[in-house]
Amino acid sequence: MQLFGLTGWSGSGKTTLLARLLPVLIGRGLQVSTLKHAHKGFDIDHPGKDSHTHRMAGATEVLVSSPTRWALVRELRDEPEPTLEDLLAKLSPVDLVLVEGFKRDRHPKLEVWRRAVGKPLIAADDPSIVAVASDGPVPESPVPVLDLDDAEAIAALVMERAVPIRLRDVRATE
C-alpha cells in the first residue's frame, strides 16, 4: 500500500480536489481508499437509528451492515484520539491511501493553497510538503506549484511521490 496526503487550511478546497482526483487515479487502474481527519468531530448515524441507540446505551463499538456497505463506529469516550498510524493499520489493503488532514504527520503531502483564504503557506515550514496546488501564483513557494484545476498533473505527482506505508514512518512530529 502507498500513502500520500492532502493538506491545507479550512476552505482551501482539499475535499473538492480529492473528489476530482479519485476518478483520475481509479481510471489509471488504482484501488484507492481515503482517510480524513475531522477536527470538530462527526457522526454517521443520528437519533432514531438503531445504531445510534446502541451507542447511546453504551456500546463501545457498533457495526452496521447492509448488502451494499458496512461501517464500524467506535466511541472513544475517555480514550485518546487514534493516531494516523493507528488508523492506517485498520484499513484493508489497497494500492493507495489518500489522507486528508493530519498536517503534522510526516508522510508526503500536497498543500492546497488559495490566496483568498488569507492564511500563510504551510509548505514554508513543513518539509513533508512536496508540492503546492493553487488557483493562482504562490509567493515564495519552496516546492513546485501545480494548477489546482489540473487533476491529471496532480495525479501524476501523487503516483510519483506516494510512499509505501511503513507505520513507524508516519508518526507526527512534536
Protein backbone atom coordinates (compact mmCIF):
# COMPACT_ATOMS: atom_id res chain seq x y z
CA MET A 1 0.00 0.00 0.00
CA GLN A 2 1.16 3.51 -0.83
CA LEU A 3 0.41 6.70 1.10
CA PHE A 4 0.04 10.34 0.07
CA GLY A 5 -1.66 13.28 1.77
CA LEU A 6 -3.53 16.47 1.02
CA THR A 7 -3.25 19.30 3.49
CA GLY A 8 -4.23 22.95 3.67
CA TRP A 9 -6.26 25.40 5.64
CA SER A 10 -10.02 25.05 6.06
CA GLY A 11 -11.80 26.34 2.96
CA SER A 12 -8.84 25.82 0.62
CA GLY A 13 -10.53 23.08 -1.42
CA LYS A 14 -8.92 19.86 -0.20
CA THR A 15 -12.11 17.80 -0.38
CA THR A 16 -13.08 19.25 -3.77
CA LEU A 17 -9.65 18.35 -5.14
CA LEU A 18 -9.85 14.86 -3.62
CA ALA A 19 -13.22 14.28 -5.29
CA ARG A 20 -11.73 15.28 -8.67
CA LEU A 21 -8.53 13.30 -8.10
CA LEU A 22 -10.16 9.97 -7.15
CA PRO A 23 -11.70 9.22 -10.59
CA VAL A 24 -8.39 10.06 -12.30
CA LEU A 25 -6.40 7.71 -10.06
CA ILE A 26 -9.02 4.96 -10.29
CA GLY A 27 -9.04 5.45 -14.07
CA ARG A 28 -5.31 4.68 -14.00
CA GLY A 29 -6.13 1.29 -12.51
CA LEU A 30 -5.53 2.01 -8.82
CA GLN A 31 -7.71 0.88 -5.95
CA VAL A 32 -7.85 3.91 -3.64
CA SER A 33 -9.06 4.45 -0.08
CA THR A 34 -9.25 7.74 1.78
CA LEU A 35 -8.73 8.69 5.40
CA LYS A 36 -9.96 12.09 6.59
CA HIS A 37 -9.35 13.90 9.84
CA ALA A 38 -12.33 15.83 11.21
CA HIS A 39 -11.25 18.46 13.73
CA LYS A 40 -14.72 19.09 15.11
CA GLY A 41 -15.91 15.51 15.38
CA PHE A 42 -18.57 13.86 13.27
CA ASP A 43 -21.48 11.45 13.43
CA ILE A 44 -22.52 8.93 10.81
CA ASP A 45 -25.77 7.97 12.44
CA HIS A 46 -28.49 10.01 14.04
CA PRO A 47 -31.15 9.85 16.74
CA GLY A 48 -33.88 7.40 15.81
CA LYS A 49 -31.50 4.94 14.13
CA ASP A 50 -30.90 1.64 15.92
CA SER A 51 -27.11 2.03 15.71
CA HIS A 52 -27.36 5.43 17.41
CA THR A 53 -29.50 3.88 20.16
CA HIS A 54 -26.86 1.17 20.66
CA ARG A 55 -24.09 3.78 21.03
CA MET A 56 -26.11 5.99 23.35
CA ALA A 57 -26.86 2.94 25.51
CA GLY A 58 -23.11 2.47 26.00
CA ALA A 59 -21.80 0.14 23.28
CA THR A 60 -18.10 0.68 22.69
CA GLU A 61 -18.35 -0.40 19.05
CA VAL A 62 -21.34 -0.67 16.75
CA LEU A 63 -21.00 -2.43 13.40
CA VAL A 64 -23.77 -1.78 10.89
CA SER A 65 -24.04 -3.94 7.79
CA SER A 66 -26.17 -3.97 4.65
CA PRO A 67 -25.95 -5.60 1.22
CA THR A 68 -24.06 -2.53 -0.10
CA ARG A 69 -21.71 -1.42 2.73
CA TRP A 70 -20.72 -1.80 6.33
CA ALA A 71 -19.44 0.67 8.91
CA LEU A 72 -17.82 0.26 12.27
CA VAL A 73 -18.21 3.10 14.76
CA ARG A 74 -16.05 3.16 17.87
CA GLU A 75 -16.88 5.51 20.72
CA LEU A 76 -13.66 6.83 22.23
CA ARG A 77 -15.29 8.02 25.43
CA ASP A 78 -12.20 8.91 27.53
CA GLU A 79 -9.65 7.25 25.23
CA PRO A 80 -7.20 9.46 23.31
CA GLU A 81 -7.81 10.12 19.63
CA PRO A 82 -6.12 7.44 17.50
CA THR A 83 -3.01 8.42 15.57
CA LEU A 84 -2.73 8.25 11.81
CA GLU A 85 -0.60 5.15 12.31
CA ASP A 86 -3.39 3.51 14.37
CA LEU A 87 -5.99 4.32 11.73
CA LEU A 88 -3.91 3.17 8.75
CA ALA A 89 -3.48 -0.19 10.46
CA LYS A 90 -7.28 -0.64 10.39
CA LEU A 91 -7.65 -0.22 6.61
CA SER A 92 -7.98 -3.11 4.20
CA PRO A 93 -5.19 -3.38 1.61
CA VAL A 94 -5.48 -1.13 -1.46
CA ASP A 95 -2.96 0.37 -3.89
CA LEU A 96 -3.12 3.91 -2.50
CA VAL A 97 -4.42 5.63 0.63
CA LEU A 98 -5.06 9.36 0.29
CA VAL A 99 -5.05 11.16 3.62
CA GLU A 100 -6.86 14.48 4.04
CA GLY A 101 -5.64 16.41 7.04
CA PHE A 102 -3.14 15.09 9.58
CA LYS A 103 -0.94 18.02 8.62
CA ARG A 104 1.61 17.39 11.39
CA ASP A 105 2.35 13.82 10.29
CA ARG A 106 5.45 13.14 8.17
CA HIS A 107 4.02 11.44 5.07
CA PRO A 108 4.46 13.26 1.73
CA LYS A 109 1.74 15.82 1.14
CA LEU A 110 0.38 18.26 -1.40
CA GLU A 111 -0.71 21.57 0.07
CA VAL A 112 -3.89 23.07 -1.36
CA TRP A 113 -3.44 26.85 -1.09
CA ARG A 114 -5.61 29.78 -2.14
CA ARG A 115 -4.65 33.40 -1.56
CA ALA A 116 -8.35 34.20 -0.93
CA VAL A 117 -8.34 32.04 2.24
CA GLY A 118 -5.90 34.53 3.75
CA LYS A 119 -3.65 32.00 5.50
CA PRO A 120 0.11 31.54 5.23
CA LEU A 121 1.73 28.84 3.14
CA ILE A 122 2.23 25.72 5.29
CA ALA A 123 4.94 24.43 2.92
CA ALA A 124 7.25 27.24 4.07
CA ASP A 125 7.79 25.39 7.37
CA ASP A 126 6.93 21.76 6.52
CA PRO A 127 9.48 19.61 4.68
CA SER A 128 6.91 16.82 4.17
CA ILE A 129 5.02 19.02 1.67
CA VAL A 130 6.38 18.09 -1.77
CA ALA A 131 4.24 20.47 -3.88
CA VAL A 132 1.51 23.09 -3.71
CA ALA A 133 -1.69 23.16 -5.78
CA SER A 134 -3.16 26.62 -6.18
CA ASP A 135 -5.62 28.65 -8.21
CA GLY A 136 -3.02 31.38 -8.76
CA PRO A 137 0.56 32.43 -8.11
CA VAL A 138 2.10 31.28 -4.83
CA PRO A 139 4.61 33.76 -3.42
CA GLU A 140 7.96 32.28 -2.37
CA SER A 141 6.93 28.62 -2.56
CA PRO A 142 9.84 26.35 -1.61
CA VAL A 143 8.31 23.50 -3.66
CA PRO A 144 6.82 23.14 -7.16
CA VAL A 145 3.39 24.73 -7.72
CA LEU A 146 0.70 22.93 -9.73
CA ASP A 147 -2.52 24.30 -11.17
CA LEU A 148 -5.33 23.33 -8.78
CA ASP A 149 -7.56 22.54 -11.78
CA ASP A 150 -5.06 20.12 -13.39
CA ALA A 151 -6.16 16.82 -11.83
CA GLU A 152 -4.06 14.82 -14.34
CA ALA A 153 -0.81 16.56 -13.30
CA ILE A 154 -1.71 16.25 -9.63
CA ALA A 155 -2.49 12.53 -10.07
CA ALA A 156 0.90 12.06 -11.74
CA LEU A 157 2.60 13.79 -8.78
CA VAL A 158 0.66 11.62 -6.30
CA MET A 159 1.68 8.44 -8.08
CA GLU A 160 5.31 9.57 -8.30
CA ARG A 161 5.64 10.77 -4.69
CA ALA A 162 3.44 8.30 -2.76
CA VAL A 163 5.44 6.15 -0.36
CA PRO A 164 4.95 2.63 0.93
CA ILE A 165 3.08 2.59 4.22
CA ARG A 166 5.57 1.80 6.94
CA LEU A 167 3.62 2.75 10.02
CA ARG A 168 6.60 3.87 12.06
CA ASP A 169 7.41 6.47 9.34
CA VAL A 170 4.14 8.44 9.55
CA ARG A 171 4.17 9.41 13.22
CA ALA A 172 3.56 13.08 13.88
CA THR A 173 6.41 15.39 14.65
CA GLU A 174 6.20 17.06 18.01
